[in-house]
């Protein structure tokens, strides 16, 4: 089976995902071909829910997406396809031929090699405290830092220079 994402051409947003059979793939150009993408477009009607919601159905294109691709890695060791498995609402970047989620914070930048957003500060390398209890780690956009919370709500800030958590007093 092959998965395909329908993408609005004006916003590059994924509208829906469909699945087609292996035989339909092989009979219509083969995996990951423009011929197969065109066949999918020609043989799948507009989604009536989307049409009703928008009033007029937008111009769209179809691109194959791999259920086994995440952060530009194939989970089974195969060849990754288009950065990530496309989800409804994901973005499609035609220049880099990748799918990626919406930007989580203004300070983050898109890393096209992994098809994901990266914080300006590297994620903490220490994720637990005490006897292996995990911190609840969250991004602090106002101060551009990672915060870790213990189970009793003590707050710590990640210091990447010393690779350690520092108590904030909050």
Foldseek 3Di string as FASTA:
>chain_A
DWKKFKAFPVFQFTADIDDDDQVLQVVQPHPFDQRSQVVCVVPDDDDVVVCVVVVHDGDITMGIADQQAALQAGVVRDGHAAQHGHDGGWGADPVLSHTAHDDPAPQWDADSSRRYTDQPDHDQPDQADDPRHGFPWDADRVVSWIWTAGPVGFIWTQDVVVSDTHGPVD
